[in-house]
Amino acid sequence: MIEHRADAAETSGWTPLERTIRTCYYCRQPYRAAVDATKCERIHEALAALARSNGDGRS
């Protein structure tokens, strides 16, 4: 997903709402499209669920 990340030049013209919907809630990485930020969030959630099911307490 690294190819979908937005750089500083791309994010400079974004409104606060655009920045919010295009940024992963967990790692705060901005993406070019909201759908990519959602995919990143789902990866974080899946890893956290896996960690909880393994009982190691990491998220």
Protein backbone atom coordinates (compact mmCIF):
# COMPACT_ATOMS: atom_id res chain seq x y z
CA MET A 1 0.00 0.00 0.00
CA ILE A 2 3.03 2.25 0.12
CA GLU A 3 2.36 3.39 -3.46
CA HIS A 4 -0.99 4.80 -2.31
CA ARG A 5 0.49 7.05 0.38
CA ALA A 6 0.25 10.80 -0.09
CA ASP A 7 3.26 13.05 0.21
CA ALA A 8 3.48 16.56 1.67
CA ALA A 9 2.96 18.21 -1.72
CA GLU A 10 -0.31 16.33 -2.20
CA THR A 11 -1.65 16.97 1.29
CA SER A 12 -0.84 20.69 1.33
CA GLY A 13 -4.00 21.57 -0.58
CA TRP A 14 -6.35 19.34 1.37
CA THR A 15 -9.09 20.73 3.57
CA PRO A 16 -9.25 19.50 7.18
CA LEU A 17 -12.12 17.18 6.21
CA GLU A 18 -10.16 15.70 3.30
CA ARG A 19 -7.18 15.17 5.58
CA THR A 20 -9.36 13.39 8.15
CA ILE A 21 -11.01 11.00 5.72
CA ARG A 22 -7.76 10.21 3.89
CA THR A 23 -5.68 9.51 7.00
CA CYS A 24 -5.45 6.17 8.82
CA TYR A 25 -6.88 6.49 12.32
CA TYR A 26 -4.21 4.20 13.80
CA CYS A 27 -0.90 5.15 12.18
CA ARG A 28 -1.90 8.66 10.97
CA GLN A 29 -0.47 7.97 7.49
CA PRO A 30 -2.19 10.06 4.80
CA TYR A 31 -3.35 8.26 1.66
CA ARG A 32 -4.34 9.56 -1.76
CA ALA A 33 -7.85 8.12 -1.43
CA ALA A 34 -10.14 7.48 1.53
CA VAL A 35 -10.57 3.85 0.48
CA ASP A 36 -6.83 3.28 1.00
CA ALA A 37 -6.97 4.80 4.48
CA THR A 38 -9.87 2.46 5.26
CA LYS A 39 -7.85 -0.54 4.05
CA CYS A 40 -4.98 0.48 6.32
CA GLU A 41 -7.34 0.79 9.29
CA ARG A 42 -8.72 -2.69 8.59
CA ILE A 43 -5.20 -4.12 8.57
CA HIS A 44 -4.51 -2.53 11.98
CA GLU A 45 -7.82 -3.87 13.35
CA ALA A 46 -7.12 -7.37 12.04
CA LEU A 47 -3.65 -7.39 13.58
CA ALA A 48 -5.05 -6.18 16.90
CA ALA A 49 -7.70 -8.90 16.85
CA LEU A 50 -5.06 -11.50 16.05
CA ALA A 51 -2.89 -10.27 18.90
CA ARG A 52 -5.82 -10.46 21.30
CA SER A 53 -6.72 -13.98 20.18
CA ASN A 54 -3.11 -15.06 20.72
CA GLY A 55 -3.18 -13.52 24.18
CA ASP A 56 0.06 -11.61 23.79
CA GLY A 57 -1.53 -8.23 24.56
CA ARG A 58 0.04 -6.34 21.64
CA SER A 59 -2.06 -4.19 19.32
